[in-house]
Amino acid sequence: MKVKCSKCSNEQNIFSKAATNVKCLVCESTLAEATGGNAKVKAEIVEKLK
């Protein structure tokens, strides 16, 4: 899925079932937290990719 960082507005693609915490490549704020299943997304979801 494509998400948008709430701090710097950077858009990047992440996996919905991330095994580790995902950080923004620009400002390093947390975009998603690993939960063992689907990641808990903390950023705005722009679009779900197939």
PDB file of N, CA and C in Angstrom:
ATOM      1  N   MET A   1       0.834  -1.174   0.000  1.00  0.00           N
ATOM      2  CA  MET A   1       0.000   0.000   0.000  1.00  0.00           C
ATOM      3  C   MET A   1       0.877   1.234   0.000  1.00  0.00           C
ATOM      4  N   LYS A   2       0.347   2.324  -0.487  1.00  0.00           N
ATOM      5  CA  LYS A   2       1.074   3.589  -0.489  1.00  0.00           C
ATOM      6  C   LYS A   2       0.541   4.433   0.660  1.00  0.00           C
ATOM      7  N   VAL A   3       1.458   4.924   1.497  1.00  0.00           N
ATOM      8  CA  VAL A   3       1.080   5.742   2.646  1.00  0.00           C
ATOM      9  C   VAL A   3       1.783   7.090   2.582  1.00  0.00           C
ATOM     10  N   LYS A   4       1.204   8.057   3.283  1.00  0.00           N
ATOM     11  CA  LYS A   4       1.753   9.410   3.318  1.00  0.00           C
ATOM     12  C   LYS A   4       2.110   9.750   4.757  1.00  0.00           C
ATOM     13  N   CYS A   5       3.344  10.169   4.962  1.00  0.00           N
ATOM     14  CA  CYS A   5       3.822  10.540   6.294  1.00  0.00           C
ATOM     15  C   CYS A   5       3.088  11.793   6.776  1.00  0.00           C
ATOM     16  N   SER A   6       2.658  11.773   8.033  1.00  0.00           N
ATOM     17  CA  SER A   6       1.926  12.916   8.578  1.00  0.00           C
ATOM     18  C   SER A   6       2.841  14.091   8.913  1.00  0.00           C
ATOM     19  N   LYS A   7       4.132  13.844   9.111  1.00  0.00           N
ATOM     20  CA  LYS A   7       5.063  14.916   9.476  1.00  0.00           C
ATOM     21  C   LYS A   7       5.643  15.630   8.263  1.00  0.00           C
ATOM     22  N   CYS A   8       6.132  14.844   7.265  1.00  0.00           N
ATOM     23  CA  CYS A   8       6.839  15.478   6.141  1.00  0.00           C
ATOM     24  C   CYS A   8       6.133  15.309   4.798  1.00  0.00           C
ATOM     25  N   SER A   9       5.004  14.631   4.762  1.00  0.00           N
ATOM     26  CA  SER A   9       4.199  14.413   3.554  1.00  0.00           C
ATOM     27  C   SER A   9       4.895  13.550   2.499  1.00  0.00           C
ATOM     28  N   ASN A  10       5.931  12.817   2.892  1.00  0.00           N
ATOM     29  CA  ASN A  10       6.582  11.880   1.981  1.00  0.00           C
ATOM     30  C   ASN A  10       5.649  10.695   1.729  1.00  0.00           C
ATOM     31  N   GLU A  11       5.558  10.254   0.476  1.00  0.00           N
ATOM     32  CA  GLU A  11       4.761   9.077   0.136  1.00  0.00           C
ATOM     33  C   GLU A  11       5.694   7.926  -0.179  1.00  0.00           C
ATOM     34  N   GLN A  12       5.388   6.753   0.399  1.00  0.00           N
ATOM     35  CA  GLN A  12       6.191   5.576   0.097  1.00  0.00           C
ATOM     36  C   GLN A  12       5.331   4.330   0.203  1.00  0.00           C
ATOM     37  N   ASN A  13       5.793   3.268  -0.450  1.00  0.00           N
ATOM     38  CA  ASN A  13       5.084   1.994  -0.451  1.00  0.00           C
ATOM     39  C   ASN A  13       5.561   1.149   0.720  1.00  0.00           C
ATOM     40  N   ILE A  14       4.601   0.493   1.392  1.00  0.00           N
ATOM     41  CA  ILE A  14       4.941  -0.421   2.478  1.00  0.00           C
ATOM     42  C   ILE A  14       4.111  -1.685   2.312  1.00  0.00           C
ATOM     43  N   PHE A  15       4.538  -2.758   2.973  1.00  0.00           N
ATOM     44  CA  PHE A  15       3.780  -4.001   2.968  1.00  0.00           C
ATOM     45  C   PHE A  15       2.743  -3.954   4.082  1.00  0.00           C
ATOM     46  N   SER A  16       1.559  -4.496   3.817  1.00  0.00           N
ATOM     47  CA  SER A  16       0.502  -4.479   4.829  1.00  0.00           C
ATOM     48  C   SER A  16       0.789  -5.469   5.957  1.00  0.00           C
ATOM     49  N   LYS A  17       1.629  -6.474   5.698  1.00  0.00           N
ATOM     50  CA  LYS A  17       2.005  -7.448   6.727  1.00  0.00           C
ATOM     51  C   LYS A  17       3.493  -7.309   7.025  1.00  0.00           C
ATOM     52  N   ALA A  18       3.893  -6.140   7.452  1.00  0.00           N
ATOM     53  CA  ALA A  18       5.302  -5.865   7.738  1.00  0.00           C
ATOM     54  C   ALA A  18       5.752  -6.641   8.971  1.00  0.00           C
ATOM     55  N   ALA A  19       6.943  -7.233   8.901  1.00  0.00           N
ATOM     56  CA  ALA A  19       7.488  -8.018  10.004  1.00  0.00           C
ATOM     57  C   ALA A  19       8.247  -7.149  11.003  1.00  0.00           C
ATOM     58  N   THR A  20       8.622  -5.940  10.590  1.00  0.00           N
ATOM     59  CA  THR A  20       9.320  -5.009  11.485  1.00  0.00           C
ATOM     60  C   THR A  20       8.633  -3.650  11.391  1.00  0.00           C
ATOM     61  N   ASN A  21       8.951  -2.769  12.306  1.00  0.00           N
ATOM     62  CA  ASN A  21       8.403  -1.410  12.258  1.00  0.00           C
ATOM     63  C   ASN A  21       8.925  -0.703  11.011  1.00  0.00           C
ATOM     64  N   VAL A  22       8.053   0.053  10.349  1.00  0.00           N
ATOM     65  CA  VAL A  22       8.417   0.756   9.121  1.00  0.00           C
ATOM     66  C   VAL A  22       8.539   2.234   9.428  1.00  0.00           C
ATOM     67  N   LYS A  23       9.687   2.821   9.053  1.00  0.00           N
ATOM     68  CA  LYS A  23       9.936   4.238   9.299  1.00  0.00           C
ATOM     69  C   LYS A  23       9.964   5.004   7.982  1.00  0.00           C
ATOM     70  N   CYS A  24       9.643   6.279   8.059  1.00  0.00           N
ATOM     71  CA  CYS A  24       9.699   7.164   6.906  1.00  0.00           C
ATOM     72  C   CYS A  24      11.152   7.292   6.458  1.00  0.00           C
ATOM     73  N   LEU A  25      11.390   7.258   5.157  1.00  0.00           N
ATOM     74  CA  LEU A  25      12.739   7.351   4.625  1.00  0.00           C
ATOM     75  C   LEU A  25      13.313   8.762   4.737  1.00  0.00           C
ATOM     76  N   VAL A  26      12.457   9.774   4.933  1.00  0.00           N
ATOM     77  CA  VAL A  26      12.914  11.157   5.005  1.00  0.00           C
ATOM     78  C   VAL A  26      13.114  11.606   6.459  1.00  0.00           C
ATOM     79  N   CYS A  27      12.068  11.512   7.278  1.00  0.00           N
ATOM     80  CA  CYS A  27      12.144  12.044   8.642  1.00  0.00           C
ATOM     81  C   CYS A  27      12.228  10.969   9.720  1.00  0.00           C
ATOM     82  N   GLU A  28      12.148   9.712   9.337  1.00  0.00           N
ATOM     83  CA  GLU A  28      12.264   8.554  10.224  1.00  0.00           C
ATOM     84  C   GLU A  28      11.178   8.450  11.291  1.00  0.00           C
ATOM     85  N   SER A  29      10.006   9.033  11.052  1.00  0.00           N
ATOM     86  CA  SER A  29       8.891   8.812  11.970  1.00  0.00           C
ATOM     87  C   SER A  29       8.274   7.449  11.636  1.00  0.00           C
ATOM     88  N   THR A  30       7.605   6.844  12.595  1.00  0.00           N
ATOM     89  CA  THR A  30       7.043   5.508  12.408  1.00  0.00           C
ATOM     90  C   THR A  30       5.785   5.575  11.550  1.00  0.00           C
ATOM     91  N   LEU A  31       5.782   4.814  10.455  1.00  0.00           N
ATOM     92  CA  LEU A  31       4.620   4.754   9.567  1.00  0.00           C
ATOM     93  C   LEU A  31       3.733   3.553   9.886  1.00  0.00           C
ATOM     94  N   ALA A  32       4.344   2.443  10.315  1.00  0.00           N
ATOM     95  CA  ALA A  32       3.581   1.241  10.641  1.00  0.00           C
ATOM     96  C   ALA A  32       4.328   0.441  11.703  1.00  0.00           C
ATOM     97  N   GLU A  33       3.552  -0.220  12.571  1.00  0.00           N
ATOM     98  CA  GLU A  33       4.130  -1.048  13.616  1.00  0.00           C
ATOM     99  C   GLU A  33       3.795  -2.504  13.347  1.00  0.00           C
ATOM    100  N   ALA A  34       4.766  -3.384  13.513  1.00  0.00           N
ATOM    101  CA  ALA A  34       4.556  -4.817  13.332  1.00  0.00           C
ATOM    102  C   ALA A  34       3.724  -5.361  14.491  1.00  0.00           C
ATOM    103  N   THR A  35       2.761  -6.240  14.165  1.00  0.00           N
ATOM    104  CA  THR A  35       1.914  -6.817  15.206  1.00  0.00           C
ATOM    105  C   THR A  35       1.904  -8.347  15.150  1.00  0.00           C
ATOM    106  N   GLY A  36       2.593  -8.935  14.198  1.00  0.00           N
ATOM    107  CA  GLY A  36       2.568 -10.385  14.027  1.00  0.00           C
ATOM    108  C   GLY A  36       1.628 -10.802  12.907  1.00  0.00           C
ATOM    109  N   GLY A  37       0.706  -9.953  12.541  1.00  0.00           N
ATOM    110  CA  GLY A  37      -0.207 -10.179  11.424  1.00  0.00           C
ATOM    111  C   GLY A  37      -0.165  -8.956  10.533  1.00  0.00           C
ATOM    112  N   ASN A  38      -1.321  -8.355  10.323  1.00  0.00           N
ATOM    113  CA  ASN A  38      -1.343  -7.094   9.577  1.00  0.00           C
ATOM    114  C   ASN A  38      -0.712  -5.992  10.421  1.00  0.00           C
ATOM    115  N   ALA A  39       0.069  -5.150   9.773  1.00  0.00           N
ATOM    116  CA  ALA A  39       0.742  -4.065  10.478  1.00  0.00           C
ATOM    117  C   ALA A  39      -0.272  -3.000  10.899  1.00  0.00           C
ATOM    118  N   LYS A  40      -0.001  -2.343  12.026  1.00  0.00           N
ATOM    119  CA  LYS A  40      -0.838  -1.245  12.496  1.00  0.00           C
ATOM    120  C   LYS A  40      -0.325   0.032  11.834  1.00  0.00           C
ATOM    121  N   VAL A  41      -1.067   0.537  10.858  1.00  0.00           N
ATOM    122  CA  VAL A  41      -0.631   1.691  10.065  1.00  0.00           C
ATOM    123  C   VAL A  41      -0.929   2.969  10.832  1.00  0.00           C
ATOM    124  N   LYS A  42       0.091   3.803  11.007  1.00  0.00           N
ATOM    125  CA  LYS A  42      -0.045   5.067  11.737  1.00  0.00           C
ATOM    126  C   LYS A  42      -0.096   6.258  10.792  1.00  0.00           C
ATOM    127  N   ALA A  43       0.132   6.031   9.503  1.00  0.00           N
ATOM    128  CA  ALA A  43       0.146   7.109   8.506  1.00  0.00           C
ATOM    129  C   ALA A  43      -1.153   7.057   7.698  1.00  0.00           C
ATOM    130  N   GLU A  44      -1.353   8.080   6.894  1.00  0.00           N
ATOM    131  CA  GLU A  44      -2.528   8.141   6.020  1.00  0.00           C
ATOM    132  C   GLU A  44      -2.326   7.204   4.836  1.00  0.00           C
ATOM    133  N   ILE A  45      -3.311   6.336   4.573  1.00  0.00           N
ATOM    134  CA  ILE A  45      -3.242   5.430   3.434  1.00  0.00           C
ATOM    135  C   ILE A  45      -3.723   6.182   2.196  1.00  0.00           C
ATOM    136  N   VAL A  46      -2.827   6.307   1.202  1.00  0.00           N
ATOM    137  CA  VAL A  46      -3.150   7.032  -0.028  1.00  0.00           C
ATOM    138  C   VAL A  46      -3.876   6.099  -0.999  1.00  0.00           C
ATOM    139  N   GLU A  47      -3.311   4.896  -1.219  1.00  0.00           N
ATOM    140  CA  GLU A  47      -3.963   3.918  -2.075  1.00  0.00           C
ATOM    141  C   GLU A  47      -3.482   2.532  -1.723  1.00  0.00           C
ATOM    142  N   LYS A  48      -4.335   1.545  -1.966  1.00  0.00           N
ATOM    143  CA  LYS A  48      -3.955   0.156  -1.750  1.00  0.00           C
ATOM    144  C   LYS A  48      -3.528  -0.417  -3.098  1.00  0.00           C
ATOM    145  N   LEU A  49      -2.298  -0.846  -3.178  1.00  0.00           N
ATOM    146  CA  LEU A  49      -1.756  -1.408  -4.403  1.00  0.00           C
ATOM    147  C   LEU A  49      -2.081  -2.894  -4.475  1.00  0.00           C
ATOM    148  N   LYS A  50      -2.120  -3.416  -5.692  1.00  0.00           N
ATOM    149  CA  LYS A  50      -2.413  -4.837  -5.856  1.00  0.00           C
ATOM    150  C   LYS A  50      -1.158  -5.641  -5.972  1.00  0.00           C
TER     151      LYS A  50
END
